[in-house]
Amino acid sequence: MNWLNSEAFVLLDQHIKWSDMIGNILGLVALALGWRRHLLTWPVQFLSGLILFGAFYGHLAGSAGKQVVVMVVAVYGWWEWTRKRGRSGISPRFATWNERGAMIAAGAAGTVAVALIFKANPSLSWDPWPDAYIFVGTLVAMYAQAKGMVEFWFAWLLVDAVGVPLNFANGYAFSGFVYVIYGALVLWGMRDWWLRSRRTVLEGAPA
């Protein structure tokens, strides 16, 4: 499997690795499937995480750890969406204020805790704070997606805002290029889920 971490081609003086390219293409497919609320989003996301774990392992601990989180939550998301589909289907909704507060608090506390672990063990990450932010932010985003919350799109935008420069700085140029497309899909998906959540509320309103 060493060929996955070999160079695929050079684009604009950036060396593109097979693992970086394939993993991120699968991530794009998973995001598109998530926008369509398709159950296959989770196994595709799991495979993307597995390949990107191989790309980041040994260099960016936070990004590699993020992919472990991606795979674990993909299994949870598959179970959660399968359960919902067996009942009333997957209906996007906005989180309650309590849920938003809990996710923000967990994200902030988790980022500080993981960053302190990275700082105490410099071999895990050369850039502890953004690495920790990406790690924890991904966990929050995918949890919200599994729960069908519209806020998961906002969480991904916040993760990408730090992930793009970090990927370019560490030689994962394809990840940086792909995040431009990610941004467009996130905005498009956010609009779709937003409209669907409003439709669900209107349909459930008393006559």
N, C-alpha and C. Protein backbone atom coordinates (compact mmCIF):
# COMPACT_ATOMS: atom_id res chain seq x y z
N MET A 1 0.82 -1.22 0.00
CA MET A 1 0.00 0.00 0.00
C MET A 1 0.85 1.27 0.00
N ASN A 2 2.18 1.11 -0.10
CA ASN A 2 3.05 2.29 -0.08
C ASN A 2 2.79 3.24 -1.24
N TRP A 3 2.25 2.71 -2.35
CA TRP A 3 2.01 3.56 -3.52
C TRP A 3 1.01 4.67 -3.19
N LEU A 4 0.13 4.45 -2.18
CA LEU A 4 -0.84 5.47 -1.82
C LEU A 4 -0.18 6.76 -1.34
N ASN A 5 0.97 6.63 -0.72
CA ASN A 5 1.68 7.82 -0.24
C ASN A 5 2.78 8.27 -1.19
N SER A 6 2.79 7.72 -2.39
CA SER A 6 3.74 8.17 -3.40
C SER A 6 3.16 9.34 -4.18
N GLU A 7 4.01 10.00 -4.93
CA GLU A 7 3.59 11.20 -5.66
C GLU A 7 2.79 10.82 -6.91
N ALA A 8 1.63 11.44 -7.07
CA ALA A 8 0.79 11.20 -8.24
C ALA A 8 1.19 12.12 -9.38
N PHE A 9 1.32 13.42 -9.09
CA PHE A 9 1.73 14.41 -10.10
C PHE A 9 2.07 15.71 -9.39
N VAL A 10 2.55 16.66 -10.16
CA VAL A 10 2.89 17.98 -9.63
C VAL A 10 1.94 19.00 -10.25
N LEU A 11 1.31 19.82 -9.40
CA LEU A 11 0.38 20.84 -9.87
C LEU A 11 0.74 22.17 -9.24
N LEU A 12 1.09 23.15 -10.10
CA LEU A 12 1.47 24.48 -9.62
C LEU A 12 2.58 24.39 -8.57
N ASP A 13 3.58 23.58 -8.89
CA ASP A 13 4.74 23.37 -8.00
C ASP A 13 4.39 22.67 -6.69
N GLN A 14 3.18 22.11 -6.60
CA GLN A 14 2.77 21.37 -5.41
C GLN A 14 2.77 19.87 -5.74
N HIS A 15 3.41 19.08 -4.89
CA HIS A 15 3.51 17.63 -5.11
C HIS A 15 2.26 16.95 -4.54
N ILE A 16 1.47 16.37 -5.42
CA ILE A 16 0.20 15.75 -5.04
C ILE A 16 0.40 14.26 -4.78
N LYS A 17 -0.01 13.81 -3.60
CA LYS A 17 0.10 12.39 -3.24
C LYS A 17 -1.19 11.66 -3.59
N TRP A 18 -1.04 10.37 -3.95
CA TRP A 18 -2.22 9.57 -4.29
C TRP A 18 -3.20 9.52 -3.12
N SER A 19 -2.70 9.28 -1.91
CA SER A 19 -3.58 9.14 -0.74
C SER A 19 -4.33 10.43 -0.48
N ASP A 20 -3.62 11.57 -0.59
CA ASP A 20 -4.24 12.87 -0.39
C ASP A 20 -5.35 13.10 -1.42
N MET A 21 -5.07 12.75 -2.66
CA MET A 21 -6.03 12.97 -3.74
C MET A 21 -7.24 12.05 -3.63
N ILE A 22 -7.00 10.74 -3.51
CA ILE A 22 -8.11 9.77 -3.47
C ILE A 22 -8.97 9.98 -2.24
N GLY A 23 -8.33 10.17 -1.08
CA GLY A 23 -9.08 10.37 0.16
C GLY A 23 -9.98 11.58 0.10
N ASN A 24 -9.48 12.67 -0.48
CA ASN A 24 -10.27 13.89 -0.54
C ASN A 24 -11.36 13.83 -1.60
N ILE A 25 -11.12 13.12 -2.69
CA ILE A 25 -12.18 12.93 -3.68
C ILE A 25 -13.33 12.15 -3.06
N LEU A 26 -12.99 11.09 -2.31
CA LEU A 26 -14.03 10.33 -1.61
C LEU A 26 -14.75 11.20 -0.57
N GLY A 27 -14.00 12.10 0.07
CA GLY A 27 -14.61 13.01 1.02
C GLY A 27 -15.62 13.93 0.35
N LEU A 28 -15.28 14.38 -0.86
CA LEU A 28 -16.21 15.21 -1.63
C LEU A 28 -17.47 14.43 -1.98
N VAL A 29 -17.28 13.18 -2.40
CA VAL A 29 -18.43 12.33 -2.74
C VAL A 29 -19.32 12.14 -1.51
N ALA A 30 -18.68 11.90 -0.35
CA ALA A 30 -19.45 11.70 0.89
C ALA A 30 -20.23 12.96 1.25
N LEU A 31 -19.60 14.14 1.06
CA LEU A 31 -20.28 15.39 1.37
C LEU A 31 -21.48 15.60 0.45
N ALA A 32 -21.30 15.28 -0.84
CA ALA A 32 -22.41 15.40 -1.79
C ALA A 32 -23.55 14.44 -1.43
N LEU A 33 -23.19 13.23 -1.02
CA LEU A 33 -24.21 12.26 -0.60
C LEU A 33 -24.92 12.73 0.67
N GLY A 34 -24.16 13.35 1.57
CA GLY A 34 -24.75 13.88 2.80
C GLY A 34 -25.75 14.99 2.49
N TRP A 35 -25.41 15.83 1.52
CA TRP A 35 -26.32 16.89 1.10
C TRP A 35 -27.63 16.29 0.60
N ARG A 36 -27.54 15.16 -0.11
CA ARG A 36 -28.74 14.49 -0.62
C ARG A 36 -29.37 13.58 0.44
N ARG A 37 -28.78 13.55 1.64
CA ARG A 37 -29.27 12.71 2.75
C ARG A 37 -29.30 11.23 2.36
N HIS A 38 -28.27 10.81 1.63
CA HIS A 38 -28.17 9.41 1.18
C HIS A 38 -27.38 8.61 2.21
N LEU A 39 -27.87 7.42 2.51
CA LEU A 39 -27.26 6.57 3.53
C LEU A 39 -25.82 6.20 3.19
N LEU A 40 -25.49 6.15 1.91
CA LEU A 40 -24.13 5.77 1.50
C LEU A 40 -23.08 6.80 1.89
N THR A 41 -23.52 7.99 2.33
CA THR A 41 -22.55 8.99 2.74
C THR A 41 -21.61 8.45 3.82
N TRP A 42 -22.12 7.56 4.68
CA TRP A 42 -21.32 7.09 5.82
C TRP A 42 -20.26 6.07 5.44
N PRO A 43 -20.56 5.01 4.66
CA PRO A 43 -19.47 4.12 4.26
C PRO A 43 -18.42 4.80 3.38
N VAL A 44 -18.86 5.74 2.53
CA VAL A 44 -17.89 6.47 1.71
C VAL A 44 -17.02 7.35 2.59
N GLN A 45 -17.62 7.97 3.61
CA GLN A 45 -16.86 8.79 4.55
C GLN A 45 -15.87 7.94 5.33
N PHE A 46 -16.28 6.73 5.69
CA PHE A 46 -15.39 5.82 6.41
C PHE A 46 -14.17 5.48 5.56
N LEU A 47 -14.38 5.16 4.28
CA LEU A 47 -13.27 4.81 3.39
C LEU A 47 -12.35 6.00 3.19
N SER A 48 -12.93 7.20 3.04
CA SER A 48 -12.13 8.42 2.91
C SER A 48 -11.25 8.60 4.14
N GLY A 49 -11.83 8.43 5.32
CA GLY A 49 -11.06 8.56 6.55
C GLY A 49 -9.93 7.57 6.66
N LEU A 50 -10.19 6.33 6.21
CA LEU A 50 -9.17 5.30 6.28
C LEU A 50 -7.97 5.64 5.40
N ILE A 51 -8.23 6.12 4.19
CA ILE A 51 -7.15 6.46 3.26
C ILE A 51 -6.39 7.69 3.75
N LEU A 52 -7.11 8.71 4.23
CA LEU A 52 -6.44 9.92 4.70
C LEU A 52 -5.68 9.69 6.00
N PHE A 53 -6.13 8.72 6.80
CA PHE A 53 -5.35 8.36 7.99
C PHE A 53 -3.97 7.89 7.57
N GLY A 54 -3.91 7.07 6.52
CA GLY A 54 -2.62 6.61 6.02
C GLY A 54 -1.77 7.74 5.49
N ALA A 55 -2.43 8.79 4.96
CA ALA A 55 -1.68 9.93 4.42
C ALA A 55 -1.06 10.78 5.53
N PHE A 56 -1.81 10.99 6.61
CA PHE A 56 -1.37 11.90 7.66
C PHE A 56 -0.58 11.23 8.78
N TYR A 57 -0.74 9.91 8.93
CA TYR A 57 -0.13 9.22 10.08
C TYR A 57 1.39 9.41 10.08
N GLY A 58 1.93 9.78 11.24
CA GLY A 58 3.36 9.95 11.39
C GLY A 58 3.82 11.36 11.12
N HIS A 59 2.91 12.25 10.65
CA HIS A 59 3.32 13.61 10.35
C HIS A 59 2.43 14.63 11.06
N LEU A 60 1.13 14.54 10.83
CA LEU A 60 0.16 15.42 11.49
C LEU A 60 -0.75 14.57 12.38
N ALA A 61 -0.40 14.51 13.65
CA ALA A 61 -1.15 13.64 14.56
C ALA A 61 -2.61 14.06 14.67
N GLY A 62 -2.85 15.39 14.73
CA GLY A 62 -4.22 15.85 14.85
C GLY A 62 -5.05 15.50 13.64
N SER A 63 -4.47 15.68 12.45
CA SER A 63 -5.20 15.36 11.23
C SER A 63 -5.39 13.85 11.08
N ALA A 64 -4.39 13.07 11.50
CA ALA A 64 -4.53 11.62 11.47
C ALA A 64 -5.59 11.18 12.49
N GLY A 65 -5.54 11.77 13.68
CA GLY A 65 -6.53 11.46 14.70
C GLY A 65 -7.92 11.86 14.25
N LYS A 66 -7.99 12.96 13.49
CA LYS A 66 -9.28 13.40 12.96
C LYS A 66 -9.90 12.32 12.11
N GLN A 67 -9.07 11.63 11.33
CA GLN A 67 -9.61 10.58 10.45
C GLN A 67 -10.11 9.38 11.26
N VAL A 68 -9.49 9.12 12.41
CA VAL A 68 -10.00 8.06 13.29
C VAL A 68 -11.39 8.46 13.78
N VAL A 69 -11.52 9.74 14.16
CA VAL A 69 -12.82 10.26 14.58
C VAL A 69 -13.83 10.13 13.45
N VAL A 70 -13.40 10.48 12.24
CA VAL A 70 -14.28 10.38 11.06
C VAL A 70 -14.80 8.96 10.91
N MET A 71 -13.92 7.97 11.06
CA MET A 71 -14.33 6.58 10.88
C MET A 71 -15.28 6.12 11.99
N VAL A 72 -14.98 6.51 13.23
CA VAL A 72 -15.84 6.12 14.35
C VAL A 72 -17.23 6.74 14.21
N VAL A 73 -17.26 8.05 13.91
CA VAL A 73 -18.54 8.73 13.80
C VAL A 73 -19.29 8.27 12.54
N ALA A 74 -18.56 7.86 11.50
CA ALA A 74 -19.22 7.32 10.31
C ALA A 74 -20.02 6.07 10.65
N VAL A 75 -19.46 5.25 11.53
CA VAL A 75 -20.18 4.05 11.97
C VAL A 75 -21.42 4.47 12.77
N TYR A 76 -21.24 5.45 13.66
CA TYR A 76 -22.37 5.95 14.44
C TYR A 76 -23.43 6.59 13.54
N GLY A 77 -22.99 7.39 12.56
CA GLY A 77 -23.91 8.05 11.65
C GLY A 77 -24.70 7.05 10.82
N TRP A 78 -24.01 5.99 10.37
CA TRP A 78 -24.69 4.92 9.63
C TRP A 78 -25.80 4.32 10.50
N TRP A 79 -25.50 4.02 11.75
CA TRP A 79 -26.50 3.44 12.66
C TRP A 79 -27.65 4.41 12.91
N GLU A 80 -27.31 5.69 13.15
CA GLU A 80 -28.34 6.69 13.46
C GLU A 80 -29.26 6.92 12.27
N TRP A 81 -28.70 7.06 11.08
CA TRP A 81 -29.53 7.32 9.89
C TRP A 81 -30.34 6.09 9.50
N THR A 82 -29.76 4.90 9.70
CA THR A 82 -30.51 3.68 9.41
C THR A 82 -31.72 3.58 10.34
N ARG A 83 -31.52 3.93 11.60
CA ARG A 83 -32.60 3.91 12.58
C ARG A 83 -33.69 4.92 12.22
N LYS A 84 -33.28 6.13 11.81
CA LYS A 84 -34.26 7.16 11.45
C LYS A 84 -35.00 6.80 10.17
N ARG A 85 -34.27 6.24 9.22
CA ARG A 85 -34.91 5.87 7.96
C ARG A 85 -35.97 4.80 8.19
N GLY A 86 -35.72 3.95 9.18
CA GLY A 86 -36.70 2.92 9.49
C GLY A 86 -37.96 3.46 10.13
N ARG A 87 -37.90 4.72 10.59
CA ARG A 87 -39.08 5.33 11.21
C ARG A 87 -39.66 6.40 10.27
N SER A 88 -39.32 7.64 10.48
CA SER A 88 -39.95 8.71 9.69
C SER A 88 -39.02 9.30 8.63
N GLY A 89 -37.84 8.75 8.49
CA GLY A 89 -36.90 9.29 7.51
C GLY A 89 -35.98 10.32 8.13
N ILE A 90 -35.01 10.80 7.33
CA ILE A 90 -34.01 11.75 7.80
C ILE A 90 -34.52 13.16 7.50
N SER A 91 -34.91 13.89 8.54
CA SER A 91 -35.46 15.24 8.37
C SER A 91 -34.50 16.25 8.98
N PRO A 92 -33.85 17.08 8.16
CA PRO A 92 -32.94 18.10 8.70
C PRO A 92 -33.68 19.03 9.66
N ARG A 93 -32.98 19.43 10.72
CA ARG A 93 -33.58 20.34 11.70
C ARG A 93 -32.49 21.22 12.28
N PHE A 94 -32.90 22.36 12.82
CA PHE A 94 -31.96 23.20 13.55
C PHE A 94 -31.81 22.66 14.97
N ALA A 95 -30.61 22.78 15.48
CA ALA A 95 -30.37 22.37 16.87
C ALA A 95 -31.10 23.32 17.81
N THR A 96 -31.44 22.83 18.98
CA THR A 96 -32.01 23.70 20.01
C THR A 96 -30.89 24.57 20.58
N TRP A 97 -31.24 25.62 21.30
CA TRP A 97 -30.20 26.47 21.89
C TRP A 97 -29.36 25.69 22.90
N ASN A 98 -29.98 24.76 23.61
CA ASN A 98 -29.22 23.94 24.55
C ASN A 98 -28.21 23.07 23.81
N GLU A 99 -28.63 22.50 22.67
CA GLU A 99 -27.72 21.67 21.87
C GLU A 99 -26.58 22.51 21.30
N ARG A 100 -26.90 23.71 20.82
CA ARG A 100 -25.85 24.60 20.30
C ARG A 100 -24.85 24.96 21.38
N GLY A 101 -25.39 25.31 22.55
CA GLY A 101 -24.50 25.67 23.65
C GLY A 101 -23.61 24.51 24.06
N ALA A 102 -24.17 23.30 24.08
CA ALA A 102 -23.39 22.12 24.45
C ALA A 102 -22.31 21.84 23.43
N MET A 103 -22.62 21.99 22.14
CA MET A 103 -21.61 21.73 21.09
C MET A 103 -20.50 22.78 21.12
N ILE A 104 -20.87 24.05 21.34
CA ILE A 104 -19.86 25.11 21.41
C ILE A 104 -18.94 24.89 22.62
N ALA A 105 -19.56 24.57 23.77
CA ALA A 105 -18.77 24.35 24.98
C ALA A 105 -17.85 23.13 24.83
N ALA A 106 -18.41 22.05 24.26
CA ALA A 106 -17.61 20.84 24.06
C ALA A 106 -16.48 21.10 23.08
N GLY A 107 -16.77 21.88 22.01
CA GLY A 107 -15.75 22.19 21.03
C GLY A 107 -14.62 23.02 21.62
N ALA A 108 -14.97 24.03 22.41
CA ALA A 108 -13.95 24.90 23.02
C ALA A 108 -13.11 24.13 24.05
N ALA A 109 -13.79 23.41 24.94
CA ALA A 109 -13.07 22.65 25.97
C ALA A 109 -12.23 21.55 25.35
N GLY A 110 -12.79 20.87 24.35
CA GLY A 110 -12.05 19.79 23.68
C GLY A 110 -10.81 20.30 22.97
N THR A 111 -10.93 21.47 22.31
CA THR A 111 -9.79 22.05 21.60
C THR A 111 -8.66 22.38 22.57
N VAL A 112 -9.01 23.00 23.70
CA VAL A 112 -7.99 23.34 24.69
C VAL A 112 -7.33 22.08 25.24
N ALA A 113 -8.14 21.07 25.56
CA ALA A 113 -7.60 19.84 26.14
C ALA A 113 -6.67 19.12 25.17
N VAL A 114 -7.11 18.98 23.91
CA VAL A 114 -6.28 18.28 22.92
C VAL A 114 -5.02 19.08 22.61
N ALA A 115 -5.14 20.41 22.52
CA ALA A 115 -3.96 21.24 22.25
C ALA A 115 -2.93 21.11 23.37
N LEU A 116 -3.39 21.05 24.62
CA LEU A 116 -2.46 20.90 25.74
C LEU A 116 -1.76 19.55 25.70
N ILE A 117 -2.49 18.52 25.25
CA ILE A 117 -1.87 17.20 25.09
C ILE A 117 -0.80 17.26 24.02
N PHE A 118 -1.10 17.93 22.91
CA PHE A 118 -0.12 18.06 21.82
C PHE A 118 1.10 18.86 22.27
N LYS A 119 0.86 19.94 23.05
CA LYS A 119 1.98 20.76 23.52
C LYS A 119 2.85 19.99 24.50
N ALA A 120 2.24 19.11 25.28
CA ALA A 120 3.01 18.31 26.24
C ALA A 120 3.78 17.19 25.54
N ASN A 121 3.32 16.84 24.33
CA ASN A 121 3.99 15.80 23.54
C ASN A 121 4.26 16.34 22.14
N PRO A 122 5.32 17.14 21.98
CA PRO A 122 5.60 17.82 20.71
C PRO A 122 5.72 16.89 19.51
N SER A 123 6.03 15.63 19.74
CA SER A 123 6.16 14.70 18.62
C SER A 123 4.82 14.41 17.95
N LEU A 124 3.72 14.69 18.66
CA LEU A 124 2.40 14.43 18.11
C LEU A 124 1.98 15.45 17.06
N SER A 125 2.44 16.69 17.23
CA SER A 125 2.05 17.74 16.29
C SER A 125 2.99 18.93 16.43
N TRP A 126 3.40 19.49 15.28
CA TRP A 126 4.28 20.65 15.34
C TRP A 126 3.45 21.94 15.44
N ASP A 127 2.14 21.84 15.22
CA ASP A 127 1.27 23.01 15.27
C ASP A 127 0.03 22.66 16.11
N PRO A 128 0.17 22.61 17.44
CA PRO A 128 -0.85 22.02 18.31
C PRO A 128 -2.23 22.65 18.23
N TRP A 129 -2.32 23.98 18.23
CA TRP A 129 -3.63 24.62 18.33
C TRP A 129 -4.50 24.41 17.09
N PRO A 130 -4.01 24.69 15.88
CA PRO A 130 -4.88 24.43 14.72
C PRO A 130 -5.15 22.94 14.53
N ASP A 131 -4.16 22.10 14.85
CA ASP A 131 -4.35 20.66 14.74
C ASP A 131 -5.46 20.18 15.68
N ALA A 132 -5.44 20.70 16.92
CA ALA A 132 -6.46 20.34 17.91
C ALA A 132 -7.83 20.88 17.49
N TYR A 133 -7.84 22.09 16.95
CA TYR A 133 -9.09 22.72 16.49
C TYR A 133 -9.75 21.88 15.40
N ILE A 134 -8.94 21.40 14.45
CA ILE A 134 -9.46 20.57 13.35
C ILE A 134 -9.97 19.24 13.90
N PHE A 135 -9.22 18.64 14.79
CA PHE A 135 -9.59 17.36 15.38
C PHE A 135 -10.96 17.45 16.06
N VAL A 136 -11.10 18.41 16.96
CA VAL A 136 -12.33 18.53 17.74
C VAL A 136 -13.47 19.07 16.87
N GLY A 137 -13.18 20.02 16.00
CA GLY A 137 -14.21 20.58 15.13
C GLY A 137 -14.84 19.54 14.23
N THR A 138 -14.03 18.62 13.74
CA THR A 138 -14.54 17.54 12.90
C THR A 138 -15.48 16.64 13.68
N LEU A 139 -15.12 16.35 14.93
CA LEU A 139 -15.97 15.52 15.79
C LEU A 139 -17.34 16.19 15.99
N VAL A 140 -17.32 17.50 16.28
CA VAL A 140 -18.57 18.24 16.49
C VAL A 140 -19.41 18.26 15.22
N ALA A 141 -18.76 18.52 14.07
CA ALA A 141 -19.48 18.60 12.79
C ALA A 141 -20.14 17.27 12.44
N MET A 142 -19.41 16.18 12.59
CA MET A 142 -19.96 14.89 12.19
C MET A 142 -21.02 14.40 13.18
N TYR A 143 -20.89 14.77 14.44
CA TYR A 143 -21.95 14.44 15.41
C TYR A 143 -23.24 15.15 15.02
N ALA A 144 -23.12 16.44 14.68
CA ALA A 144 -24.29 17.22 14.28
C ALA A 144 -24.90 16.66 13.01
N GLN A 145 -24.05 16.19 12.07
CA GLN A 145 -24.56 15.59 10.84
C GLN A 145 -25.34 14.31 11.15
N ALA A 146 -24.78 13.49 12.02
CA ALA A 146 -25.44 12.23 12.38
C ALA A 146 -26.81 12.49 13.00
N LYS A 147 -26.92 13.62 13.73
CA LYS A 147 -28.18 13.98 14.37
C LYS A 147 -29.12 14.73 13.43
N GLY A 148 -28.65 14.99 12.19
CA GLY A 148 -29.48 15.68 11.22
C GLY A 148 -29.61 17.18 11.46
N MET A 149 -28.64 17.78 12.16
CA MET A 149 -28.70 19.21 12.47
C MET A 149 -28.12 20.05 11.33
N VAL A 150 -28.83 21.11 10.97
CA VAL A 150 -28.35 22.02 9.93
C VAL A 150 -27.01 22.63 10.32
N GLU A 151 -26.78 22.78 11.61
CA GLU A 151 -25.54 23.42 12.09
C GLU A 151 -24.28 22.68 11.69
N PHE A 152 -24.41 21.42 11.27
CA PHE A 152 -23.19 20.69 10.90
C PHE A 152 -22.50 21.35 9.73
N TRP A 153 -23.26 22.02 8.85
CA TRP A 153 -22.64 22.73 7.72
C TRP A 153 -21.81 23.91 8.21
N PHE A 154 -22.33 24.65 9.20
CA PHE A 154 -21.58 25.77 9.77
C PHE A 154 -20.29 25.28 10.42
N ALA A 155 -20.39 24.15 11.11
CA ALA A 155 -19.22 23.58 11.78
C ALA A 155 -18.14 23.22 10.77
N TRP A 156 -18.54 22.65 9.62
CA TRP A 156 -17.56 22.29 8.59
C TRP A 156 -16.87 23.54 8.04
N LEU A 157 -17.63 24.62 7.85
CA LEU A 157 -17.02 25.86 7.36
C LEU A 157 -15.95 26.37 8.32
N LEU A 158 -16.23 26.28 9.62
CA LEU A 158 -15.27 26.73 10.63
C LEU A 158 -14.02 25.85 10.64
N VAL A 159 -14.21 24.54 10.43
CA VAL A 159 -13.06 23.63 10.37
C VAL A 159 -12.22 23.92 9.13
N ASP A 160 -12.89 24.11 7.99
CA ASP A 160 -12.18 24.35 6.73
C ASP A 160 -11.37 25.64 6.75
N ALA A 161 -11.86 26.64 7.48
CA ALA A 161 -11.18 27.94 7.53
C ALA A 161 -9.76 27.80 8.09
N VAL A 162 -9.56 26.81 8.95
CA VAL A 162 -8.22 26.55 9.50
C VAL A 162 -7.53 25.43 8.73
N GLY A 163 -8.31 24.46 8.25
CA GLY A 163 -7.73 23.30 7.59
C GLY A 163 -7.05 23.62 6.28
N VAL A 164 -7.56 24.59 5.51
CA VAL A 164 -6.97 24.91 4.20
C VAL A 164 -5.53 25.39 4.34
N PRO A 165 -5.25 26.46 5.11
CA PRO A 165 -3.85 26.89 5.23
C PRO A 165 -2.94 25.85 5.87
N LEU A 166 -3.50 25.06 6.82
CA LEU A 166 -2.69 24.04 7.47
C LEU A 166 -2.26 22.96 6.47
N ASN A 167 -3.18 22.56 5.59
CA ASN A 167 -2.84 21.55 4.58
C ASN A 167 -1.79 22.05 3.60
N PHE A 168 -1.94 23.27 3.12
CA PHE A 168 -0.95 23.83 2.21
C PHE A 168 0.42 23.93 2.88
N ALA A 169 0.44 24.34 4.14
CA ALA A 169 1.70 24.51 4.86
C ALA A 169 2.42 23.20 5.09
N ASN A 170 1.68 22.09 5.08
CA ASN A 170 2.28 20.79 5.37
C ASN A 170 2.43 19.90 4.13
N GLY A 171 2.25 20.47 2.95
CA GLY A 171 2.50 19.72 1.72
C GLY A 171 1.33 18.91 1.22
N TYR A 172 0.15 19.10 1.80
CA TYR A 172 -1.03 18.38 1.32
C TYR A 172 -1.85 19.33 0.45
N ALA A 173 -1.26 19.67 -0.70
CA ALA A 173 -1.84 20.69 -1.56
C ALA A 173 -3.20 20.29 -2.10
N PHE A 174 -3.36 19.00 -2.43
CA PHE A 174 -4.64 18.58 -3.00
C PHE A 174 -5.77 18.81 -2.01
N SER A 175 -5.48 18.59 -0.73
CA SER A 175 -6.48 18.86 0.30
C SER A 175 -6.88 20.33 0.27
N GLY A 176 -5.88 21.21 0.12
CA GLY A 176 -6.16 22.63 0.06
C GLY A 176 -7.02 23.00 -1.14
N PHE A 177 -6.67 22.44 -2.32
CA PHE A 177 -7.45 22.72 -3.53
C PHE A 177 -8.88 22.19 -3.40
N VAL A 178 -9.00 21.00 -2.86
CA VAL A 178 -10.32 20.37 -2.75
C VAL A 178 -11.23 21.14 -1.80
N TYR A 179 -10.64 21.77 -0.77
CA TYR A 179 -11.46 22.50 0.19
C TYR A 179 -12.18 23.69 -0.43
N VAL A 180 -11.68 24.17 -1.57
CA VAL A 180 -12.40 25.23 -2.29
C VAL A 180 -13.73 24.66 -2.79
N ILE A 181 -13.68 23.43 -3.32
CA ILE A 181 -14.90 22.76 -3.78
C ILE A 181 -15.76 22.39 -2.59
N TYR A 182 -15.12 21.95 -1.50
CA TYR A 182 -15.84 21.66 -0.27
C TYR A 182 -16.68 22.87 0.15
N GLY A 183 -16.05 24.05 0.09
CA GLY A 183 -16.74 25.27 0.50
C GLY A 183 -18.00 25.51 -0.30
N ALA A 184 -17.91 25.30 -1.63
CA ALA A 184 -19.09 25.49 -2.49
C ALA A 184 -20.17 24.48 -2.15
N LEU A 185 -19.78 23.20 -1.96
CA LEU A 185 -20.76 22.16 -1.61
C LEU A 185 -21.40 22.43 -0.24
N VAL A 186 -20.58 22.90 0.69
CA VAL A 186 -21.10 23.19 2.03
C VAL A 186 -22.16 24.29 1.96
N LEU A 187 -21.88 25.36 1.21
CA LEU A 187 -22.84 26.45 1.09
C LEU A 187 -24.11 25.99 0.39
N TRP A 188 -23.96 25.18 -0.63
CA TRP A 188 -25.11 24.65 -1.37
C TRP A 188 -25.93 23.71 -0.47
N GLY A 189 -25.22 22.81 0.21
CA GLY A 189 -25.89 21.86 1.10
C GLY A 189 -26.56 22.56 2.27
N MET A 190 -25.90 23.60 2.79
CA MET A 190 -26.47 24.36 3.89
C MET A 190 -27.82 24.98 3.48
N ARG A 191 -27.85 25.54 2.29
CA ARG A 191 -29.09 26.15 1.79
C ARG A 191 -30.18 25.09 1.67
N ASP A 192 -29.84 23.92 1.12
CA ASP A 192 -30.82 22.86 0.91
C ASP A 192 -31.38 22.36 2.25
N TRP A 193 -30.49 22.08 3.21
CA TRP A 193 -30.94 21.58 4.51
C TRP A 193 -31.73 22.66 5.25
N TRP A 194 -31.32 23.91 5.10
CA TRP A 194 -32.03 25.01 5.74
C TRP A 194 -33.47 25.06 5.25
N LEU A 195 -33.66 25.02 3.91
CA LEU A 195 -35.00 25.06 3.34
C LEU A 195 -35.82 23.84 3.75
N ARG A 196 -35.19 22.67 3.78
CA ARG A 196 -35.90 21.46 4.17
C ARG A 196 -36.32 21.51 5.63
N SER A 197 -35.46 22.08 6.48
CA SER A 197 -35.81 22.17 7.91
C SER A 197 -36.99 23.11 8.10
N ARG A 198 -37.06 24.20 7.35
CA ARG A 198 -38.19 25.13 7.45
C ARG A 198 -39.47 24.46 6.95
N ARG A 199 -39.32 23.66 5.87
CA ARG A 199 -40.49 22.96 5.33
C ARG A 199 -41.02 21.96 6.35
N THR A 200 -40.11 21.30 7.05
CA THR A 200 -40.51 20.31 8.07
C THR A 200 -41.28 20.99 9.19
N VAL A 201 -40.80 22.18 9.62
CA VAL A 201 -41.46 22.93 10.68
C VAL A 201 -42.86 23.36 10.23
N LEU A 202 -42.97 23.86 9.00
CA LEU A 202 -44.26 24.33 8.49
C LEU A 202 -45.26 23.18 8.36
N GLU A 203 -44.74 22.02 7.88
CA GLU A 203 -45.63 20.88 7.72
C GLU A 203 -46.11 20.34 9.06
N GLY A 204 -45.28 20.52 10.10
CA GLY A 204 -45.64 20.02 11.42
C GLY A 204 -46.40 21.02 12.27
N ALA A 205 -46.57 22.25 11.72
CA ALA A 205 -47.27 23.27 12.49
C ALA A 205 -48.75 22.95 12.57
N PRO A 206 -49.41 23.28 13.69
CA PRO A 206 -50.85 23.01 13.81
C PRO A 206 -51.66 23.87 12.85
N ALA A 207 -52.75 23.34 12.31
CA ALA A 207 -53.57 24.07 11.35
C ALA A 207 -54.35 25.18 12.05
